[in-house]
Amino acid sequence: MPVGGSVGQHIDDGTYYLNKDRYHFSLQGVYQYWVDGEQIEVQPGTFFWFDNKLEHWAKNIDSVDRITFVFDAVHGSL
């Protein structure tokens, strides 16, 4: 995500997500993340999960591009 860029408010829905959890591992850049009205500031090196079936969005607040590894795992596989 470029400097100042954002991913608009959305919910990950559809049958694909019914049996999967989504994980994020921040590699570069600081960004704000909002989930269901709560906000966190994500630093590089942060690994986290959240309920992606709730409204969420992100904004890059750093002076470098945000690079995040996002992956899905079938429930109970990790």
PDB file of N, CA and C in Angstrom:
ATOM      1  N   MET A   1       0.851  -1.157   0.000  1.00  0.00           N
ATOM      2  CA  MET A   1       0.000   0.000   0.000  1.00  0.00           C
ATOM      3  C   MET A   1       0.906   1.233   0.000  1.00  0.00           C
ATOM      4  N   PRO A   2       0.690   2.151  -0.924  1.00  0.00           N
ATOM      5  CA  PRO A   2       1.562   3.322  -0.995  1.00  0.00           C
ATOM      6  C   PRO A   2       1.384   4.263   0.197  1.00  0.00           C
ATOM      7  N   VAL A   3       2.346   5.144   0.369  1.00  0.00           N
ATOM      8  CA  VAL A   3       2.286   6.153   1.425  1.00  0.00           C
ATOM      9  C   VAL A   3       0.965   6.914   1.307  1.00  0.00           C
ATOM     10  N   GLY A   4       0.241   7.023   2.412  1.00  0.00           N
ATOM     11  CA  GLY A   4      -1.046   7.723   2.423  1.00  0.00           C
ATOM     12  C   GLY A   4      -2.205   6.922   1.861  1.00  0.00           C
ATOM     13  N   GLY A   5      -1.931   5.728   1.341  1.00  0.00           N
ATOM     14  CA  GLY A   5      -2.972   4.899   0.747  1.00  0.00           C
ATOM     15  C   GLY A   5      -3.863   4.258   1.801  1.00  0.00           C
ATOM     16  N   SER A   6      -4.997   3.768   1.350  1.00  0.00           N
ATOM     17  CA  SER A   6      -5.912   3.101   2.274  1.00  0.00           C
ATOM     18  C   SER A   6      -6.718   2.034   1.558  1.00  0.00           C
ATOM     19  N   VAL A   7      -7.241   1.119   2.358  1.00  0.00           N
ATOM     20  CA  VAL A   7      -8.212   0.134   1.896  1.00  0.00           C
ATOM     21  C   VAL A   7      -9.516   0.534   2.566  1.00  0.00           C
ATOM     22  N   GLY A   8     -10.527   0.826   1.787  1.00  0.00           N
ATOM     23  CA  GLY A   8     -11.792   1.315   2.322  1.00  0.00           C
ATOM     24  C   GLY A   8     -12.504   0.317   3.216  1.00  0.00           C
ATOM     25  N   GLN A   9     -13.446   0.831   3.965  1.00  0.00           N
ATOM     26  CA  GLN A   9     -14.225   0.024   4.897  1.00  0.00           C
ATOM     27  C   GLN A   9     -14.967  -1.071   4.147  1.00  0.00           C
ATOM     28  N   HIS A  10     -14.829  -2.320   4.643  1.00  0.00           N
ATOM     29  CA  HIS A  10     -15.469  -3.450   3.974  1.00  0.00           C
ATOM     30  C   HIS A  10     -15.560  -4.639   4.924  1.00  0.00           C
ATOM     31  N   ILE A  11     -16.274  -5.636   4.482  1.00  0.00           N
ATOM     32  CA  ILE A  11     -16.375  -6.932   5.163  1.00  0.00           C
ATOM     33  C   ILE A  11     -15.974  -7.990   4.147  1.00  0.00           C
ATOM     34  N   ASP A  12     -15.147  -8.948   4.556  1.00  0.00           N
ATOM     35  CA  ASP A  12     -14.806 -10.068   3.677  1.00  0.00           C
ATOM     36  C   ASP A  12     -15.941 -11.075   3.789  1.00  0.00           C
ATOM     37  N   ASP A  13     -16.740 -11.165   2.737  1.00  0.00           N
ATOM     38  CA  ASP A  13     -17.884 -12.071   2.797  1.00  0.00           C
ATOM     39  C   ASP A  13     -17.870 -13.019   1.607  1.00  0.00           C
ATOM     40  N   GLY A  14     -18.776 -13.930   1.611  1.00  0.00           N
ATOM     41  CA  GLY A  14     -18.849 -14.927   0.564  1.00  0.00           C
ATOM     42  C   GLY A  14     -18.508 -16.303   1.105  1.00  0.00           C
ATOM     43  N   THR A  15     -18.784 -17.314   0.336  1.00  0.00           N
ATOM     44  CA  THR A  15     -18.596 -18.686   0.799  1.00  0.00           C
ATOM     45  C   THR A  15     -17.128 -19.027   1.042  1.00  0.00           C
ATOM     46  N   TYR A  16     -16.202 -18.371   0.344  1.00  0.00           N
ATOM     47  CA  TYR A  16     -14.776 -18.644   0.531  1.00  0.00           C
ATOM     48  C   TYR A  16     -14.376 -18.487   1.995  1.00  0.00           C
ATOM     49  N   TYR A  17     -14.918 -17.475   2.667  1.00  0.00           N
ATOM     50  CA  TYR A  17     -14.502 -17.135   4.037  1.00  0.00           C
ATOM     51  C   TYR A  17     -15.200 -17.948   5.117  1.00  0.00           C
ATOM     52  N   LEU A  18     -16.167 -18.785   4.777  1.00  0.00           N
ATOM     53  CA  LEU A  18     -16.943 -19.490   5.793  1.00  0.00           C
ATOM     54  C   LEU A  18     -16.099 -20.378   6.701  1.00  0.00           C
ATOM     55  N   ASN A  19     -15.053 -20.985   6.169  1.00  0.00           N
ATOM     56  CA  ASN A  19     -14.239 -21.905   6.983  1.00  0.00           C
ATOM     57  C   ASN A  19     -12.779 -21.458   7.108  1.00  0.00           C
ATOM     58  N   LYS A  20     -12.527 -20.154   6.922  1.00  0.00           N
ATOM     59  CA  LYS A  20     -11.148 -19.666   6.943  1.00  0.00           C
ATOM     60  C   LYS A  20     -10.971 -18.512   7.921  1.00  0.00           C
ATOM     61  N   ASP A  21      -9.765 -18.448   8.483  1.00  0.00           N
ATOM     62  CA  ASP A  21      -9.330 -17.319   9.285  1.00  0.00           C
ATOM     63  C   ASP A  21      -8.275 -16.569   8.485  1.00  0.00           C
ATOM     64  N   ARG A  22      -8.276 -15.245   8.603  1.00  0.00           N
ATOM     65  CA  ARG A  22      -7.309 -14.415   7.880  1.00  0.00           C
ATOM     66  C   ARG A  22      -6.285 -13.866   8.860  1.00  0.00           C
ATOM     67  N   TYR A  23      -5.017 -13.989   8.504  1.00  0.00           N
ATOM     68  CA  TYR A  23      -3.907 -13.519   9.327  1.00  0.00           C
ATOM     69  C   TYR A  23      -3.117 -12.456   8.576  1.00  0.00           C
ATOM     70  N   HIS A  24      -2.513 -11.537   9.316  1.00  0.00           N
ATOM     71  CA  HIS A  24      -1.682 -10.489   8.746  1.00  0.00           C
ATOM     72  C   HIS A  24      -0.317 -10.513   9.442  1.00  0.00           C
ATOM     73  N   PHE A  25       0.731 -10.357   8.653  1.00  0.00           N
ATOM     74  CA  PHE A  25       2.075 -10.193   9.194  1.00  0.00           C
ATOM     75  C   PHE A  25       2.664  -8.943   8.543  1.00  0.00           C
ATOM     76  N   SER A  26       2.856  -7.898   9.340  1.00  0.00           N
ATOM     77  CA  SER A  26       3.348  -6.624   8.833  1.00  0.00           C
ATOM     78  C   SER A  26       4.858  -6.697   8.621  1.00  0.00           C
ATOM     79  N   LEU A  27       5.289  -6.413   7.404  1.00  0.00           N
ATOM     80  CA  LEU A  27       6.710  -6.464   7.062  1.00  0.00           C
ATOM     81  C   LEU A  27       7.361  -5.090   7.020  1.00  0.00           C
ATOM     82  N   GLN A  28       6.607  -4.088   6.548  1.00  0.00           N
ATOM     83  CA  GLN A  28       7.164  -2.736   6.407  1.00  0.00           C
ATOM     84  C   GLN A  28       6.049  -1.719   6.512  1.00  0.00           C
ATOM     85  N   GLY A  29       6.345  -0.590   7.125  1.00  0.00           N
ATOM     86  CA  GLY A  29       5.389   0.507   7.212  1.00  0.00           C
ATOM     87  C   GLY A  29       4.509   0.411   8.451  1.00  0.00           C
ATOM     88  N   VAL A  30       4.120   1.572   8.929  1.00  0.00           N
ATOM     89  CA  VAL A  30       3.201   1.670  10.061  1.00  0.00           C
ATOM     90  C   VAL A  30       1.836   2.038   9.488  1.00  0.00           C
ATOM     91  N   TYR A  31       0.802   1.357   9.972  1.00  0.00           N
ATOM     92  CA  TYR A  31      -0.527   1.683   9.481  1.00  0.00           C
ATOM     93  C   TYR A  31      -1.559   1.570  10.587  1.00  0.00           C
ATOM     94  N   GLN A  32      -2.629   2.308  10.406  1.00  0.00           N
ATOM     95  CA  GLN A  32      -3.756   2.230  11.318  1.00  0.00           C
ATOM     96  C   GLN A  32      -4.731   1.202  10.772  1.00  0.00           C
ATOM     97  N   TYR A  33      -5.285   0.413  11.688  1.00  0.00           N
ATOM     98  CA  TYR A  33      -6.246  -0.614  11.308  1.00  0.00           C
ATOM     99  C   TYR A  33      -7.475  -0.459  12.187  1.00  0.00           C
ATOM    100  N   TRP A  34      -8.619  -0.410  11.577  1.00  0.00           N
ATOM    101  CA  TRP A  34      -9.885  -0.294  12.293  1.00  0.00           C
ATOM    102  C   TRP A  34     -10.686  -1.567  12.075  1.00  0.00           C
ATOM    103  N   VAL A  35     -11.197  -2.138  13.156  1.00  0.00           N
ATOM    104  CA  VAL A  35     -12.058  -3.311  13.087  1.00  0.00           C
ATOM    105  C   VAL A  35     -13.245  -3.055  14.005  1.00  0.00           C
ATOM    106  N   ASP A  36     -14.424  -3.025  13.411  1.00  0.00           N
ATOM    107  CA  ASP A  36     -15.664  -2.884  14.178  1.00  0.00           C
ATOM    108  C   ASP A  36     -15.586  -1.711  15.165  1.00  0.00           C
ATOM    109  N   GLY A  37     -15.046  -0.579  14.701  1.00  0.00           N
ATOM    110  CA  GLY A  37     -14.989   0.625  15.515  1.00  0.00           C
ATOM    111  C   GLY A  37     -13.782   0.743  16.426  1.00  0.00           C
ATOM    112  N   GLU A  38     -12.949  -0.299  16.524  1.00  0.00           N
ATOM    113  CA  GLU A  38     -11.738  -0.230  17.347  1.00  0.00           C
ATOM    114  C   GLU A  38     -10.526  -0.036  16.441  1.00  0.00           C
ATOM    115  N   GLN A  39      -9.560   0.751  16.932  1.00  0.00           N
ATOM    116  CA  GLN A  39      -8.386   1.067  16.131  1.00  0.00           C
ATOM    117  C   GLN A  39      -7.109   0.585  16.809  1.00  0.00           C
ATOM    118  N   ILE A  40      -6.181   0.078  15.983  1.00  0.00           N
ATOM    119  CA  ILE A  40      -4.841  -0.236  16.457  1.00  0.00           C
ATOM    120  C   ILE A  40      -3.842   0.378  15.482  1.00  0.00           C
ATOM    121  N   GLU A  41      -2.623   0.596  15.964  1.00  0.00           N
ATOM    122  CA  GLU A  41      -1.540   1.031  15.096  1.00  0.00           C
ATOM    123  C   GLU A  41      -0.611  -0.164  14.920  1.00  0.00           C
ATOM    124  N   VAL A  42      -0.438  -0.581  13.709  1.00  0.00           N
ATOM    125  CA  VAL A  42       0.340  -1.785  13.408  1.00  0.00           C
ATOM    126  C   VAL A  42       1.761  -1.394  13.027  1.00  0.00           C
ATOM    127  N   GLN A  43       2.710  -1.964  13.739  1.00  0.00           N
ATOM    128  CA  GLN A  43       4.139  -1.731  13.509  1.00  0.00           C
ATOM    129  C   GLN A  43       4.721  -2.904  12.717  1.00  0.00           C
ATOM    130  N   PRO A  44       5.815  -2.693  11.987  1.00  0.00           N
ATOM    131  CA  PRO A  44       6.477  -3.814  11.315  1.00  0.00           C
ATOM    132  C   PRO A  44       6.834  -4.912  12.325  1.00  0.00           C
ATOM    133  N   GLY A  45       6.643  -6.155  11.920  1.00  0.00           N
ATOM    134  CA  GLY A  45       6.914  -7.296  12.781  1.00  0.00           C
ATOM    135  C   GLY A  45       5.686  -7.793  13.530  1.00  0.00           C
ATOM    136  N   THR A  46       4.571  -7.090  13.396  1.00  0.00           N
ATOM    137  CA  THR A  46       3.340  -7.491  14.082  1.00  0.00           C
ATOM    138  C   THR A  46       2.640  -8.597  13.300  1.00  0.00           C
ATOM    139  N   PHE A  47       2.258  -9.644  14.019  1.00  0.00           N
ATOM    140  CA  PHE A  47       1.469 -10.748  13.456  1.00  0.00           C
ATOM    141  C   PHE A  47       0.129 -10.727  14.177  1.00  0.00           C
ATOM    142  N   PHE A  48      -0.972 -10.669  13.412  1.00  0.00           N
ATOM    143  CA  PHE A  48      -2.268 -10.604  14.078  1.00  0.00           C
ATOM    144  C   PHE A  48      -3.375 -11.247  13.260  1.00  0.00           C
ATOM    145  N   TRP A  49      -4.431 -11.583  13.986  1.00  0.00           N
ATOM    146  CA  TRP A  49      -5.673 -12.101  13.434  1.00  0.00           C
ATOM    147  C   TRP A  49      -6.785 -11.186  13.917  1.00  0.00           C
ATOM    148  N   PHE A  50      -7.824 -11.038  13.128  1.00  0.00           N
ATOM    149  CA  PHE A  50      -9.044 -10.363  13.562  1.00  0.00           C
ATOM    150  C   PHE A  50     -10.202 -11.009  12.815  1.00  0.00           C
ATOM    151  N   ASP A  51     -11.396 -10.753  13.273  1.00  0.00           N
ATOM    152  CA  ASP A  51     -12.588 -11.301  12.625  1.00  0.00           C
ATOM    153  C   ASP A  51     -12.883 -10.487  11.375  1.00  0.00           C
ATOM    154  N   ASN A  52     -12.458 -10.982  10.225  1.00  0.00           N
ATOM    155  CA  ASN A  52     -12.620 -10.244   8.970  1.00  0.00           C
ATOM    156  C   ASN A  52     -14.062 -10.253   8.460  1.00  0.00           C
ATOM    157  N   LYS A  53     -14.961 -10.845   9.235  1.00  0.00           N
ATOM    158  CA  LYS A  53     -16.387 -10.785   8.906  1.00  0.00           C
ATOM    159  C   LYS A  53     -17.029  -9.554   9.543  1.00  0.00           C
ATOM    160  N   LEU A  54     -16.224  -8.749  10.256  1.00  0.00           N
ATOM    161  CA  LEU A  54     -16.648  -7.460  10.794  1.00  0.00           C
ATOM    162  C   LEU A  54     -16.099  -6.360   9.885  1.00  0.00           C
ATOM    163  N   GLU A  55     -16.737  -5.193   9.899  1.00  0.00           N
ATOM    164  CA  GLU A  55     -16.243  -4.088   9.081  1.00  0.00           C
ATOM    165  C   GLU A  55     -14.827  -3.716   9.513  1.00  0.00           C
ATOM    166  N   HIS A  56     -13.957  -3.510   8.517  1.00  0.00           N
ATOM    167  CA  HIS A  56     -12.578  -3.154   8.798  1.00  0.00           C
ATOM    168  C   HIS A  56     -11.996  -2.340   7.648  1.00  0.00           C
ATOM    169  N   TRP A  57     -10.941  -1.584   7.953  1.00  0.00           N
ATOM    170  CA  TRP A  57     -10.225  -0.826   6.932  1.00  0.00           C
ATOM    171  C   TRP A  57      -8.858  -0.425   7.461  1.00  0.00           C
ATOM    172  N   ALA A  58      -7.984   0.000   6.553  1.00  0.00           N
ATOM    173  CA  ALA A  58      -6.604   0.317   6.927  1.00  0.00           C
ATOM    174  C   ALA A  58      -6.144   1.581   6.212  1.00  0.00           C
ATOM    175  N   LYS A  59      -5.192   2.285   6.845  1.00  0.00           N
ATOM    176  CA  LYS A  59      -4.578   3.470   6.232  1.00  0.00           C
ATOM    177  C   LYS A  59      -3.087   3.476   6.568  1.00  0.00           C
ATOM    178  N   ASN A  60      -2.262   3.637   5.538  1.00  0.00           N
ATOM    179  CA  ASN A  60      -0.812   3.739   5.711  1.00  0.00           C
ATOM    180  C   ASN A  60      -0.489   5.137   6.228  1.00  0.00           C
ATOM    181  N   ILE A  61       0.105   5.207   7.424  1.00  0.00           N
ATOM    182  CA  ILE A  61       0.441   6.504   8.024  1.00  0.00           C
ATOM    183  C   ILE A  61       1.955   6.722   8.075  1.00  0.00           C
ATOM    184  N   ASP A  62       2.701   5.902   7.388  1.00  0.00           N
ATOM    185  CA  ASP A  62       4.164   5.973   7.412  1.00  0.00           C
ATOM    186  C   ASP A  62       4.680   6.729   6.187  1.00  0.00           C
ATOM    187  N   SER A  63       5.988   6.930   6.149  1.00  0.00           N
ATOM    188  CA  SER A  63       6.629   7.597   5.011  1.00  0.00           C
ATOM    189  C   SER A  63       7.195   6.583   4.020  1.00  0.00           C
ATOM    190  N   VAL A  64       6.884   5.299   4.217  1.00  0.00           N
ATOM    191  CA  VAL A  64       7.282   4.227   3.298  1.00  0.00           C
ATOM    192  C   VAL A  64       6.046   3.401   2.958  1.00  0.00           C
ATOM    193  N   ASP A  65       6.121   2.678   1.854  1.00  0.00           N
ATOM    194  CA  ASP A  65       5.012   1.815   1.468  1.00  0.00           C
ATOM    195  C   ASP A  65       4.756   0.750   2.530  1.00  0.00           C
ATOM    196  N   ARG A  66       3.501   0.401   2.718  1.00  0.00           N
ATOM    197  CA  ARG A  66       3.127  -0.695   3.617  1.00  0.00           C
ATOM    198  C   ARG A  66       3.266  -1.999   2.844  1.00  0.00           C
ATOM    199  N   ILE A  67       3.965  -2.949   3.452  1.00  0.00           N
ATOM    200  CA  ILE A  67       4.056  -4.295   2.888  1.00  0.00           C
ATOM    201  C   ILE A  67       3.589  -5.257   3.975  1.00  0.00           C
ATOM    202  N   THR A  68       2.552  -5.992   3.683  1.00  0.00           N
ATOM    203  CA  THR A  68       1.960  -6.924   4.638  1.00  0.00           C
ATOM    204  C   THR A  68       1.697  -8.251   3.950  1.00  0.00           C
ATOM    205  N   PHE A  69       2.080  -9.324   4.595  1.00  0.00           N
ATOM    206  CA  PHE A  69       1.783 -10.667   4.116  1.00  0.00           C
ATOM    207  C   PHE A  69       0.436 -11.058   4.715  1.00  0.00           C
ATOM    208  N   VAL A  70      -0.552 -11.255   3.872  1.00  0.00           N
ATOM    209  CA  VAL A  70      -1.900 -11.633   4.309  1.00  0.00           C
ATOM    210  C   VAL A  70      -2.172 -13.045   3.806  1.00  0.00           C
ATOM    211  N   PHE A  71      -2.605 -13.917   4.720  1.00  0.00           N
ATOM    212  CA  PHE A  71      -2.912 -15.275   4.277  1.00  0.00           C
ATOM    213  C   PHE A  71      -4.108 -15.833   5.029  1.00  0.00           C
ATOM    214  N   ASP A  72      -4.741 -16.794   4.416  1.00  0.00           N
ATOM    215  CA  ASP A  72      -5.917 -17.446   4.964  1.00  0.00           C
ATOM    216  C   ASP A  72      -5.565 -18.880   5.319  1.00  0.00           C
ATOM    217  N   ALA A  73      -6.122 -19.339   6.439  1.00  0.00           N
ATOM    218  CA  ALA A  73      -5.930 -20.717   6.878  1.00  0.00           C
ATOM    219  C   ALA A  73      -7.290 -21.319   7.234  1.00  0.00           C
ATOM    220  N   VAL A  74      -7.487 -22.548   6.846  1.00  0.00           N
ATOM    221  CA  VAL A  74      -8.724 -23.243   7.200  1.00  0.00           C
ATOM    222  C   VAL A  74      -8.802 -23.325   8.717  1.00  0.00           C
ATOM    223  N   HIS A  75      -9.996 -23.085   9.277  1.00  0.00           N
ATOM    224  CA  HIS A  75     -10.188 -23.115  10.730  1.00  0.00           C
ATOM    225  C   HIS A  75      -9.509 -24.325  11.351  1.00  0.00           C
ATOM    226  N   GLY A  76      -8.740 -24.091  12.404  1.00  0.00           N
ATOM    227  CA  GLY A  76      -8.101 -25.169  13.153  1.00  0.00           C
ATOM    228  C   GLY A  76      -6.854 -25.743  12.515  1.00  0.00           C
ATOM    229  N   SER A  77      -6.374 -25.179  11.408  1.00  0.00           N
ATOM    230  CA  SER A  77      -5.205 -25.757  10.735  1.00  0.00           C
ATOM    231  C   SER A  77      -3.890 -25.198  11.254  1.00  0.00           C
ATOM    232  N   LEU A  78      -3.913 -24.108  12.005  1.00  0.00           N
ATOM    233  CA  LEU A  78      -2.652 -23.546  12.531  1.00  0.00           C
ATOM    234  C   LEU A  78      -2.450 -23.958  13.946  1.00  0.00           C
TER     235      LEU A  78
END
